[in-house]
Amino acid sequence: METARFHTNDSDLLILGLYGVFLGYQLCNKTRSYRPRHPALLWHVLAGLIELVLYYRNPRCGRGAVIACWVHSFTSLALVKGLPNGYPPHTRPVYQAGSLMRSALVLHAYITQ
């Protein structure tokens, strides 16, 4: 049985437009990155794109969404590990906490649906 995608409002075009703006900014941004050749970066981007595709296809939390979220969270931890603490000094722990919370919450969503 296939479930239809629910609509709370008609903001899909706005959200996809914002994704396009962010992508365009990143493509035009010529500043140096922290780790331009980090091996986890490709997996991080692919997992994020897979999560978006799975959500827009069907917002129910399936095995693919759980795996994509875990890959995205794990690679996020790997990418943030080398970042300097910066200013404010709590920037890196915020990314780490968010990755850990996402991993736990997606598992909870998968189990309880």
PDB file of N, CA and C in Angstrom:
ATOM      1  N   MET A   1       0.842  -1.180   0.000  1.00  0.00           N
ATOM      2  CA  MET A   1       0.000   0.000   0.000  1.00  0.00           C
ATOM      3  C   MET A   1       0.884   1.239   0.000  1.00  0.00           C
ATOM      4  N   GLU A   2       0.685   2.088  -0.955  1.00  0.00           N
ATOM      5  CA  GLU A   2       1.490   3.296  -1.059  1.00  0.00           C
ATOM      6  C   GLU A   2       0.727   4.454  -0.433  1.00  0.00           C
ATOM      7  N   THR A   3       1.412   5.212   0.400  1.00  0.00           N
ATOM      8  CA  THR A   3       0.768   6.350   1.033  1.00  0.00           C
ATOM      9  C   THR A   3       1.042   7.598   0.214  1.00  0.00           C
ATOM     10  N   ALA A   4       0.040   8.421   0.091  1.00  0.00           N
ATOM     11  CA  ALA A   4       0.197   9.674  -0.639  1.00  0.00           C
ATOM     12  C   ALA A   4       0.935  10.679   0.238  1.00  0.00           C
ATOM     13  N   ARG A   5       1.680  11.529  -0.398  1.00  0.00           N
ATOM     14  CA  ARG A   5       2.420  12.545   0.346  1.00  0.00           C
ATOM     15  C   ARG A   5       1.432  13.575   0.870  1.00  0.00           C
ATOM     16  N   PHE A   6       1.527  13.880   2.151  1.00  0.00           N
ATOM     17  CA  PHE A   6       0.616  14.850   2.733  1.00  0.00           C
ATOM     18  C   PHE A   6       1.124  16.260   2.456  1.00  0.00           C
ATOM     19  N   HIS A   7       0.185  17.204   2.385  1.00  0.00           N
ATOM     20  CA  HIS A   7       0.535  18.599   2.127  1.00  0.00           C
ATOM     21  C   HIS A   7      -0.001  19.451   3.264  1.00  0.00           C
ATOM     22  N   THR A   8       0.901  20.120   3.959  1.00  0.00           N
ATOM     23  CA  THR A   8       0.456  21.054   4.985  1.00  0.00           C
ATOM     24  C   THR A   8       0.283  22.437   4.388  1.00  0.00           C
ATOM     25  N   ASN A   9       1.070  22.751   3.381  1.00  0.00           N
ATOM     26  CA  ASN A   9       0.928  23.998   2.633  1.00  0.00           C
ATOM     27  C   ASN A   9       1.626  23.814   1.290  1.00  0.00           C
ATOM     28  N   ASP A  10       1.597  24.816   0.484  1.00  0.00           N
ATOM     29  CA  ASP A  10       2.195  24.713  -0.847  1.00  0.00           C
ATOM     30  C   ASP A  10       3.539  25.426  -0.884  1.00  0.00           C
ATOM     31  N   SER A  11       4.449  25.035  -0.022  1.00  0.00           N
ATOM     32  CA  SER A  11       5.740  25.710   0.059  1.00  0.00           C
ATOM     33  C   SER A  11       6.861  24.928  -0.610  1.00  0.00           C
ATOM     34  N   ASP A  12       6.545  23.856  -1.326  1.00  0.00           N
ATOM     35  CA  ASP A  12       7.595  23.061  -1.964  1.00  0.00           C
ATOM     36  C   ASP A  12       8.429  23.887  -2.934  1.00  0.00           C
ATOM     37  N   LEU A  13       7.779  24.727  -3.727  1.00  0.00           N
ATOM     38  CA  LEU A  13       8.508  25.540  -4.690  1.00  0.00           C
ATOM     39  C   LEU A  13       9.445  26.512  -3.980  1.00  0.00           C
ATOM     40  N   LEU A  14       8.996  27.083  -2.880  1.00  0.00           N
ATOM     41  CA  LEU A  14       9.842  27.989  -2.107  1.00  0.00           C
ATOM     42  C   LEU A  14      11.045  27.256  -1.524  1.00  0.00           C
ATOM     43  N   ILE A  15      10.815  26.081  -0.966  1.00  0.00           N
ATOM     44  CA  ILE A  15      11.908  25.308  -0.369  1.00  0.00           C
ATOM     45  C   ILE A  15      12.911  24.883  -1.434  1.00  0.00           C
ATOM     46  N   LEU A  16      12.431  24.389  -2.565  1.00  0.00           N
ATOM     47  CA  LEU A  16      13.340  24.001  -3.644  1.00  0.00           C
ATOM     48  C   LEU A  16      14.089  25.207  -4.195  1.00  0.00           C
ATOM     49  N   GLY A  17      13.444  26.358  -4.227  1.00  0.00           N
ATOM     50  CA  GLY A  17      14.128  27.584  -4.647  1.00  0.00           C
ATOM     51  C   GLY A  17      15.253  27.961  -3.700  1.00  0.00           C
ATOM     52  N   LEU A  18      15.007  27.795  -2.400  1.00  0.00           N
ATOM     53  CA  LEU A  18      16.066  28.075  -1.425  1.00  0.00           C
ATOM     54  C   LEU A  18      17.232  27.111  -1.575  1.00  0.00           C
ATOM     55  N   TYR A  19      16.940  25.837  -1.836  1.00  0.00           N
ATOM     56  CA  TYR A  19      18.022  24.885  -2.105  1.00  0.00           C
ATOM     57  C   TYR A  19      18.838  25.349  -3.307  1.00  0.00           C
ATOM     58  N   GLY A  20      18.167  25.836  -4.327  1.00  0.00           N
ATOM     59  CA  GLY A  20      18.870  26.337  -5.509  1.00  0.00           C
ATOM     60  C   GLY A  20      19.735  27.546  -5.202  1.00  0.00           C
ATOM     61  N   VAL A  21      19.222  28.459  -4.372  1.00  0.00           N
ATOM     62  CA  VAL A  21      20.007  29.635  -3.978  1.00  0.00           C
ATOM     63  C   VAL A  21      21.250  29.209  -3.205  1.00  0.00           C
ATOM     64  N   PHE A  22      21.095  28.298  -2.261  1.00  0.00           N
ATOM     65  CA  PHE A  22      22.248  27.832  -1.482  1.00  0.00           C
ATOM     66  C   PHE A  22      23.262  27.113  -2.367  1.00  0.00           C
ATOM     67  N   LEU A  23      22.772  26.297  -3.297  1.00  0.00           N
ATOM     68  CA  LEU A  23      23.671  25.598  -4.208  1.00  0.00           C
ATOM     69  C   LEU A  23      24.415  26.594  -5.088  1.00  0.00           C
ATOM     70  N   GLY A  24      23.702  27.579  -5.614  1.00  0.00           N
ATOM     71  CA  GLY A  24      24.348  28.604  -6.436  1.00  0.00           C
ATOM     72  C   GLY A  24      25.395  29.384  -5.667  1.00  0.00           C
ATOM     73  N   TYR A  25      25.093  29.723  -4.417  1.00  0.00           N
ATOM     74  CA  TYR A  25      26.065  30.441  -3.593  1.00  0.00           C
ATOM     75  C   TYR A  25      27.315  29.599  -3.376  1.00  0.00           C
ATOM     76  N   GLN A  26      27.127  28.317  -3.075  1.00  0.00           N
ATOM     77  CA  GLN A  26      28.279  27.452  -2.834  1.00  0.00           C
ATOM     78  C   GLN A  26      29.111  27.259  -4.098  1.00  0.00           C
ATOM     79  N   LEU A  27      28.467  27.196  -5.251  1.00  0.00           N
ATOM     80  CA  LEU A  27      29.214  27.039  -6.499  1.00  0.00           C
ATOM     81  C   LEU A  27      29.989  28.302  -6.858  1.00  0.00           C
ATOM     82  N   CYS A  28      29.438  29.464  -6.505  1.00  0.00           N
ATOM     83  CA  CYS A  28      30.110  30.730  -6.823  1.00  0.00           C
ATOM     84  C   CYS A  28      31.112  31.150  -5.755  1.00  0.00           C
ATOM     85  N   ASN A  29      31.020  30.572  -4.582  1.00  0.00           N
ATOM     86  CA  ASN A  29      31.906  30.949  -3.484  1.00  0.00           C
ATOM     87  C   ASN A  29      33.296  30.375  -3.750  1.00  0.00           C
ATOM     88  N   LYS A  30      34.274  31.235  -3.861  1.00  0.00           N
ATOM     89  CA  LYS A  30      35.628  30.795  -4.210  1.00  0.00           C
ATOM     90  C   LYS A  30      36.578  30.815  -3.016  1.00  0.00           C
ATOM     91  N   THR A  31      36.062  30.875  -1.799  1.00  0.00           N
ATOM     92  CA  THR A  31      36.944  30.892  -0.635  1.00  0.00           C
ATOM     93  C   THR A  31      37.520  29.511  -0.400  1.00  0.00           C
ATOM     94  N   ARG A  32      38.605  29.459   0.329  1.00  0.00           N
ATOM     95  CA  ARG A  32      39.245  28.178   0.618  1.00  0.00           C
ATOM     96  C   ARG A  32      38.433  27.419   1.651  1.00  0.00           C
ATOM     97  N   SER A  33      38.349  26.134   1.480  1.00  0.00           N
ATOM     98  CA  SER A  33      37.641  25.301   2.447  1.00  0.00           C
ATOM     99  C   SER A  33      38.654  24.709   3.416  1.00  0.00           C
ATOM    100  N   TYR A  34      38.143  24.195   4.531  1.00  0.00           N
ATOM    101  CA  TYR A  34      39.027  23.608   5.532  1.00  0.00           C
ATOM    102  C   TYR A  34      39.698  22.349   4.999  1.00  0.00           C
ATOM    103  N   ARG A  35      38.927  21.471   4.406  1.00  0.00           N
ATOM    104  CA  ARG A  35      39.439  20.196   3.897  1.00  0.00           C
ATOM    105  C   ARG A  35      38.868  19.960   2.502  1.00  0.00           C
ATOM    106  N   PRO A  36      39.507  20.483   1.488  1.00  0.00           N
ATOM    107  CA  PRO A  36      38.912  20.348   0.159  1.00  0.00           C
ATOM    108  C   PRO A  36      38.881  18.922  -0.370  1.00  0.00           C
ATOM    109  N   ARG A  37      39.724  18.038   0.152  1.00  0.00           N
ATOM    110  CA  ARG A  37      39.765  16.665  -0.357  1.00  0.00           C
ATOM    111  C   ARG A  37      39.494  15.643   0.736  1.00  0.00           C
ATOM    112  N   HIS A  38      38.678  15.968   1.680  1.00  0.00           N
ATOM    113  CA  HIS A  38      38.367  15.023   2.755  1.00  0.00           C
ATOM    114  C   HIS A  38      37.559  13.862   2.173  1.00  0.00           C
ATOM    115  N   PRO A  39      37.943  12.615   2.470  1.00  0.00           N
ATOM    116  CA  PRO A  39      37.245  11.471   1.862  1.00  0.00           C
ATOM    117  C   PRO A  39      35.780  11.343   2.282  1.00  0.00           C
ATOM    118  N   ALA A  40      35.394  11.913   3.404  1.00  0.00           N
ATOM    119  CA  ALA A  40      34.009  11.792   3.866  1.00  0.00           C
ATOM    120  C   ALA A  40      33.080  12.802   3.203  1.00  0.00           C
ATOM    121  N   LEU A  41      33.631  13.801   2.531  1.00  0.00           N
ATOM    122  CA  LEU A  41      32.797  14.871   1.985  1.00  0.00           C
ATOM    123  C   LEU A  41      31.833  14.370   0.910  1.00  0.00           C
ATOM    124  N   LEU A  42      32.301  13.535   0.012  1.00  0.00           N
ATOM    125  CA  LEU A  42      31.427  13.008  -1.039  1.00  0.00           C
ATOM    126  C   LEU A  42      30.288  12.186  -0.442  1.00  0.00           C
ATOM    127  N   TRP A  43      30.589  11.329   0.522  1.00  0.00           N
ATOM    128  CA  TRP A  43      29.551  10.516   1.170  1.00  0.00           C
ATOM    129  C   TRP A  43      28.566  11.397   1.932  1.00  0.00           C
ATOM    130  N   HIS A  44      29.067  12.472   2.540  1.00  0.00           N
ATOM    131  CA  HIS A  44      28.219  13.402   3.286  1.00  0.00           C
ATOM    132  C   HIS A  44      27.204  14.067   2.343  1.00  0.00           C
ATOM    133  N   VAL A  45      27.680  14.531   1.212  1.00  0.00           N
ATOM    134  CA  VAL A  45      26.799  15.194   0.247  1.00  0.00           C
ATOM    135  C   VAL A  45      25.796  14.206  -0.341  1.00  0.00           C
ATOM    136  N   LEU A  46      26.264  13.021  -0.725  1.00  0.00           N
ATOM    137  CA  LEU A  46      25.363  12.021  -1.303  1.00  0.00           C
ATOM    138  C   LEU A  46      24.288  11.580  -0.315  1.00  0.00           C
ATOM    139  N   ALA A  47      24.667  11.380   0.941  1.00  0.00           N
ATOM    140  CA  ALA A  47      23.680  10.969   1.948  1.00  0.00           C
ATOM    141  C   ALA A  47      22.636  12.058   2.160  1.00  0.00           C
ATOM    142  N   GLY A  48      23.063  13.318   2.175  1.00  0.00           N
ATOM    143  CA  GLY A  48      22.110  14.417   2.315  1.00  0.00           C
ATOM    144  C   GLY A  48      21.148  14.500   1.143  1.00  0.00           C
ATOM    145  N   LEU A  49      21.658  14.320  -0.071  1.00  0.00           N
ATOM    146  CA  LEU A  49      20.786  14.331  -1.250  1.00  0.00           C
ATOM    147  C   LEU A  49      19.813  13.159  -1.240  1.00  0.00           C
ATOM    148  N   ILE A  50      20.288  11.995  -0.824  1.00  0.00           N
ATOM    149  CA  ILE A  50      19.404  10.826  -0.745  1.00  0.00           C
ATOM    150  C   ILE A  50      18.305  11.062   0.283  1.00  0.00           C
ATOM    151  N   GLU A  51      18.656  11.680   1.413  1.00  0.00           N
ATOM    152  CA  GLU A  51      17.629  11.999   2.418  1.00  0.00           C
ATOM    153  C   GLU A  51      16.554  12.909   1.838  1.00  0.00           C
ATOM    154  N   LEU A  52      16.965  13.934   1.089  1.00  0.00           N
ATOM    155  CA  LEU A  52      15.987  14.842   0.484  1.00  0.00           C
ATOM    156  C   LEU A  52      15.089  14.122  -0.513  1.00  0.00           C
ATOM    157  N   VAL A  53      15.679  13.298  -1.356  1.00  0.00           N
ATOM    158  CA  VAL A  53      14.890  12.564  -2.352  1.00  0.00           C
ATOM    159  C   VAL A  53      13.906  11.625  -1.667  1.00  0.00           C
ATOM    160  N   LEU A  54      14.367  10.906  -0.645  1.00  0.00           N
ATOM    161  CA  LEU A  54      13.472   9.987   0.060  1.00  0.00           C
ATOM    162  C   LEU A  54      12.344  10.734   0.757  1.00  0.00           C
ATOM    163  N   TYR A  55      12.636  11.910   1.305  1.00  0.00           N
ATOM    164  CA  TYR A  55      11.587  12.676   1.974  1.00  0.00           C
ATOM    165  C   TYR A  55      10.546  13.162   0.966  1.00  0.00           C
ATOM    166  N   TYR A  56      10.989  13.680  -0.160  1.00  0.00           N
ATOM    167  CA  TYR A  56      10.029  14.204  -1.125  1.00  0.00           C
ATOM    168  C   TYR A  56       9.281  13.102  -1.858  1.00  0.00           C
ATOM    169  N   ARG A  57       9.832  11.907  -1.909  1.00  0.00           N
ATOM    170  CA  ARG A  57       9.093  10.776  -2.484  1.00  0.00           C
ATOM    171  C   ARG A  57       8.016  10.295  -1.530  1.00  0.00           C
ATOM    172  N   ASN A  58       8.389  10.098  -0.273  1.00  0.00           N
ATOM    173  CA  ASN A  58       7.469   9.581   0.737  1.00  0.00           C
ATOM    174  C   ASN A  58       8.019   9.977   2.105  1.00  0.00           C
ATOM    175  N   PRO A  59       7.305  10.808   2.861  1.00  0.00           N
ATOM    176  CA  PRO A  59       7.861  11.307   4.117  1.00  0.00           C
ATOM    177  C   PRO A  59       7.908  10.292   5.259  1.00  0.00           C
ATOM    178  N   ARG A  60       7.408   9.088   5.046  1.00  0.00           N
ATOM    179  CA  ARG A  60       7.515   8.080   6.101  1.00  0.00           C
ATOM    180  C   ARG A  60       8.969   7.673   6.257  1.00  0.00           C
ATOM    181  N   CYS A  61       9.337   7.328   7.463  1.00  0.00           N
ATOM    182  CA  CYS A  61      10.726   6.992   7.777  1.00  0.00           C
ATOM    183  C   CYS A  61      10.975   5.511   7.495  1.00  0.00           C
ATOM    184  N   GLY A  62      11.682   5.223   6.426  1.00  0.00           N
ATOM    185  CA  GLY A  62      11.993   3.845   6.057  1.00  0.00           C
ATOM    186  C   GLY A  62      13.442   3.506   6.364  1.00  0.00           C
ATOM    187  N   ARG A  63      13.823   2.281   6.018  1.00  0.00           N
ATOM    188  CA  ARG A  63      15.205   1.843   6.269  1.00  0.00           C
ATOM    189  C   ARG A  63      16.218   2.697   5.515  1.00  0.00           C
ATOM    190  N   GLY A  64      15.888   3.052   4.286  1.00  0.00           N
ATOM    191  CA  GLY A  64      16.796   3.886   3.498  1.00  0.00           C
ATOM    192  C   GLY A  64      17.036   5.237   4.142  1.00  0.00           C
ATOM    193  N   ALA A  65      15.970   5.822   4.706  1.00  0.00           N
ATOM    194  CA  ALA A  65      16.112   7.112   5.378  1.00  0.00           C
ATOM    195  C   ALA A  65      16.978   6.988   6.626  1.00  0.00           C
ATOM    196  N   VAL A  66      16.821   5.887   7.351  1.00  0.00           N
ATOM    197  CA  VAL A  66      17.637   5.671   8.554  1.00  0.00           C
ATOM    198  C   VAL A  66      19.105   5.526   8.175  1.00  0.00           C
ATOM    199  N   ILE A  67      19.378   4.725   7.158  1.00  0.00           N
ATOM    200  CA  ILE A  67      20.769   4.516   6.739  1.00  0.00           C
ATOM    201  C   ILE A  67      21.368   5.817   6.212  1.00  0.00           C
ATOM    202  N   ALA A  68      20.621   6.552   5.392  1.00  0.00           N
ATOM    203  CA  ALA A  68      21.129   7.819   4.860  1.00  0.00           C
ATOM    204  C   ALA A  68      21.396   8.815   5.982  1.00  0.00           C
ATOM    205  N   CYS A  69      20.518   8.865   6.972  1.00  0.00           N
ATOM    206  CA  CYS A  69      20.719   9.775   8.101  1.00  0.00           C
ATOM    207  C   CYS A  69      21.951   9.388   8.900  1.00  0.00           C
ATOM    208  N   TRP A  70      22.132   8.092   9.135  1.00  0.00           N
ATOM    209  CA  TRP A  70      23.310   7.651   9.888  1.00  0.00           C
ATOM    210  C   TRP A  70      24.595   7.953   9.134  1.00  0.00           C
ATOM    211  N   VAL A  71      24.597   7.725   7.825  1.00  0.00           N
ATOM    212  CA  VAL A  71      25.791   8.044   7.030  1.00  0.00           C
ATOM    213  C   VAL A  71      26.058   9.543   7.077  1.00  0.00           C
ATOM    214  N   HIS A  72      25.008  10.347   6.929  1.00  0.00           N
ATOM    215  CA  HIS A  72      25.159  11.801   6.967  1.00  0.00           C
ATOM    216  C   HIS A  72      25.678  12.259   8.327  1.00  0.00           C
ATOM    217  N   SER A  73      25.142  11.694   9.399  1.00  0.00           N
ATOM    218  CA  SER A  73      25.581  12.081  10.743  1.00  0.00           C
ATOM    219  C   SER A  73      27.014  11.641  11.017  1.00  0.00           C
ATOM    220  N   PHE A  74      27.364  10.416  10.620  1.00  0.00           N
ATOM    221  CA  PHE A  74      28.721   9.921  10.856  1.00  0.00           C
ATOM    222  C   PHE A  74      29.746  10.738  10.073  1.00  0.00           C
ATOM    223  N   THR A  75      29.428  11.032   8.808  1.00  0.00           N
ATOM    224  CA  THR A  75      30.366  11.830   8.022  1.00  0.00           C
ATOM    225  C   THR A  75      30.431  13.265   8.525  1.00  0.00           C
ATOM    226  N   SER A  76      29.334  13.766   9.078  1.00  0.00           N
ATOM    227  CA  SER A  76      29.358  15.095   9.686  1.00  0.00           C
ATOM    228  C   SER A  76      30.318  15.121  10.868  1.00  0.00           C
ATOM    229  N   LEU A  77      30.280  14.064  11.683  1.00  0.00           N
ATOM    230  CA  LEU A  77      31.227  13.983  12.801  1.00  0.00           C
ATOM    231  C   LEU A  77      32.664  13.908  12.293  1.00  0.00           C
ATOM    232  N   ALA A  78      32.883  13.176  11.211  1.00  0.00           N
ATOM    233  CA  ALA A  78      34.238  13.066  10.656  1.00  0.00           C
ATOM    234  C   ALA A  78      34.714  14.401  10.093  1.00  0.00           C
ATOM    235  N   LEU A  79      33.816  15.144   9.445  1.00  0.00           N
ATOM    236  CA  LEU A  79      34.198  16.429   8.868  1.00  0.00           C
ATOM    237  C   LEU A  79      34.435  17.490   9.936  1.00  0.00           C
ATOM    238  N   VAL A  80      33.651  17.463  10.997  1.00  0.00           N
ATOM    239  CA  VAL A  80      33.758  18.482  12.039  1.00  0.00           C
ATOM    240  C   VAL A  80      34.951  18.219  12.957  1.00  0.00           C
ATOM    241  N   LYS A  81      35.422  16.991  12.981  1.00  0.00           N
ATOM    242  CA  LYS A  81      36.521  16.628  13.883  1.00  0.00           C
ATOM    243  C   LYS A  81      37.748  17.514  13.673  1.00  0.00           C
ATOM    244  N   GLY A  82      38.054  17.845  12.441  1.00  0.00           N
ATOM    245  CA  GLY A  82      39.241  18.642  12.154  1.00  0.00           C
ATOM    246  C   GLY A  82      39.029  20.136  12.203  1.00  0.00           C
ATOM    247  N   LEU A  83      37.804  20.584  12.428  1.00  0.00           N
ATOM    248  CA  LEU A  83      37.557  22.025  12.472  1.00  0.00           C
ATOM    249  C   LEU A  83      38.154  22.639  13.728  1.00  0.00           C
ATOM    250  N   PRO A  84      38.691  23.839  13.628  1.00  0.00           N
ATOM    251  CA  PRO A  84      39.113  24.525  14.848  1.00  0.00           C
ATOM    252  C   PRO A  84      37.877  24.957  15.631  1.00  0.00           C
ATOM    253  N   ASN A  85      38.048  25.168  16.911  1.00  0.00           N
ATOM    254  CA  ASN A  85      36.909  25.574  17.732  1.00  0.00           C
ATOM    255  C   ASN A  85      36.345  26.907  17.282  1.00  0.00           C
ATOM    256  N   GLY A  86      37.184  27.801  16.808  1.00  0.00           N
ATOM    257  CA  GLY A  86      36.695  29.051  16.244  1.00  0.00           C
ATOM    258  C   GLY A  86      36.086  29.981  17.273  1.00  0.00           C
ATOM    259  N   TYR A  87      35.377  30.964  16.773  1.00  0.00           N
ATOM    260  CA  TYR A  87      34.709  31.911  17.647  1.00  0.00           C
ATOM    261  C   TYR A  87      33.251  31.949  17.246  1.00  0.00           C
ATOM    262  N   PRO A  88      32.320  31.726  18.068  1.00  0.00           N
ATOM    263  CA  PRO A  88      32.449  31.362  19.476  1.00  0.00           C
ATOM    264  C   PRO A  88      32.989  29.945  19.632  1.00  0.00           C
ATOM    265  N   PRO A  89      33.588  29.653  20.780  1.00  0.00           N
ATOM    266  CA  PRO A  89      34.262  28.362  20.952  1.00  0.00           C
ATOM    267  C   PRO A  89      33.326  27.158  20.997  1.00  0.00           C
ATOM    268  N   HIS A  90      32.034  27.368  20.992  1.00  0.00           N
ATOM    269  CA  HIS A  90      31.110  26.233  21.074  1.00  0.00           C
ATOM    270  C   HIS A  90      30.565  25.817  19.712  1.00  0.00           C
ATOM    271  N   THR A  91      31.136  26.290  18.625  1.00  0.00           N
ATOM    272  CA  THR A  91      30.618  25.972  17.293  1.00  0.00           C
ATOM    273  C   THR A  91      30.727  24.487  16.986  1.00  0.00           C
ATOM    274  N   ARG A  92      31.888  23.900  17.198  1.00  0.00           N
ATOM    275  CA  ARG A  92      32.087  22.488  16.861  1.00  0.00           C
ATOM    276  C   ARG A  92      31.205  21.568  17.706  1.00  0.00           C
ATOM    277  N   PRO A  93      31.102  21.750  19.027  1.00  0.00           N
ATOM    278  CA  PRO A  93      30.217  20.867  19.805  1.00  0.00           C
ATOM    279  C   PRO A  93      28.753  20.929  19.382  1.00  0.00           C
ATOM    280  N   VAL A  94      28.309  22.060  18.874  1.00  0.00           N
ATOM    281  CA  VAL A  94      26.920  22.162  18.413  1.00  0.00           C
ATOM    282  C   VAL A  94      26.698  21.247  17.213  1.00  0.00           C
ATOM    283  N   TYR A  95      27.627  21.219  16.276  1.00  0.00           N
ATOM    284  CA  TYR A  95      27.516  20.307  15.131  1.00  0.00           C
ATOM    285  C   TYR A  95      27.550  18.855  15.587  1.00  0.00           C
ATOM    286  N   GLN A  96      28.422  18.552  16.541  1.00  0.00           N
ATOM    287  CA  GLN A  96      28.534  17.179  17.023  1.00  0.00           C
ATOM    288  C   GLN A  96      27.258  16.738  17.734  1.00  0.00           C
ATOM    289  N   ALA A  97      26.710  17.602  18.569  1.00  0.00           N
ATOM    290  CA  ALA A  97      25.480  17.261  19.291  1.00  0.00           C
ATOM    291  C   ALA A  97      24.318  17.071  18.319  1.00  0.00           C
ATOM    292  N   GLY A  98      24.228  17.930  17.313  1.00  0.00           N
ATOM    293  CA  GLY A  98      23.161  17.789  16.323  1.00  0.00           C
ATOM    294  C   GLY A  98      23.242  16.475  15.566  1.00  0.00           C
ATOM    295  N   SER A  99      24.444  16.054  15.231  1.00  0.00           N
ATOM    296  CA  SER A  99      24.614  14.781  14.520  1.00  0.00           C
ATOM    297  C   SER A  99      24.202  13.605  15.386  1.00  0.00           C
ATOM    298  N   LEU A 100      24.573  13.638  16.644  1.00  0.00           N
ATOM    299  CA  LEU A 100      24.203  12.544  17.548  1.00  0.00           C
ATOM    300  C   LEU A 100      22.700  12.515  17.801  1.00  0.00           C
ATOM    301  N   MET A 101      22.095  13.693  17.961  1.00  0.00           N
ATOM    302  CA  MET A 101      20.651  13.747  18.198  1.00  0.00           C
ATOM    303  C   MET A 101      19.872  13.264  16.973  1.00  0.00           C
ATOM    304  N   ARG A 102      20.310  13.638  15.769  1.00  0.00           N
ATOM    305  CA  ARG A 102      19.633  13.177  14.549  1.00  0.00           C
ATOM    306  C   ARG A 102      19.664  11.664  14.449  1.00  0.00           C
ATOM    307  N   SER A 103      20.811  11.069  14.785  1.00  0.00           N
ATOM    308  CA  SER A 103      20.930   9.608  14.705  1.00  0.00           C
ATOM    309  C   SER A 103      19.940   8.927  15.637  1.00  0.00           C
ATOM    310  N   ALA A 104      19.813   9.450  16.846  1.00  0.00           N
ATOM    311  CA  ALA A 104      18.891   8.858  17.811  1.00  0.00           C
ATOM    312  C   ALA A 104      17.434   9.103  17.411  1.00  0.00           C
ATOM    313  N   LEU A 105      17.133  10.301  16.941  1.00  0.00           N
ATOM    314  CA  LEU A 105      15.749  10.635  16.597  1.00  0.00           C
ATOM    315  C   LEU A 105      15.247   9.880  15.369  1.00  0.00           C
ATOM    316  N   VAL A 106      16.115   9.658  14.385  1.00  0.00           N
ATOM    317  CA  VAL A 106      15.655   8.913  13.209  1.00  0.00           C
ATOM    318  C   VAL A 106      15.393   7.454  13.572  1.00  0.00           C
ATOM    319  N   LEU A 107      16.171   6.904  14.472  1.00  0.00           N
ATOM    320  CA  LEU A 107      15.914   5.536  14.925  1.00  0.00           C
ATOM    321  C   LEU A 107      14.593   5.472  15.693  1.00  0.00           C
ATOM    322  N   HIS A 108      14.345   6.456  16.541  1.00  0.00           N
ATOM    323  CA  HIS A 108      13.081   6.525  17.284  1.00  0.00           C
ATOM    324  C   HIS A 108      11.897   6.658  16.322  1.00  0.00           C
ATOM    325  N   ALA A 109      12.038   7.495  15.299  1.00  0.00           N
ATOM    326  CA  ALA A 109      10.960   7.662  14.320  1.00  0.00           C
ATOM    327  C   ALA A 109      10.701   6.367  13.562  1.00  0.00           C
ATOM    328  N   TYR A 110      11.755   5.648  13.227  1.00  0.00           N
ATOM    329  CA  TYR A 110      11.594   4.398  12.482  1.00  0.00           C
ATOM    330  C   TYR A 110      10.894   3.343  13.333  1.00  0.00           C
ATOM    331  N   ILE A 111      11.261   3.260  14.606  1.00  0.00           N
ATOM    332  CA  ILE A 111      10.691   2.241  15.492  1.00  0.00           C
ATOM    333  C   ILE A 111       9.235   2.547  15.831  1.00  0.00           C
ATOM    334  N   THR A 112       8.905   3.804  16.044  1.00  0.00           N
ATOM    335  CA  THR A 112       7.572   4.159  16.544  1.00  0.00           C
ATOM    336  C   THR A 112       6.540   4.450  15.459  1.00  0.00           C
ATOM    337  N   GLN A 113       6.887   4.381  14.204  1.00  0.00           N
ATOM    338  CA  GLN A 113       5.867   4.710  13.190  1.00  0.00           C
ATOM    339  C   GLN A 113       4.912   3.565  12.950  1.00  0.00           C
TER     340      GLN A 113
END
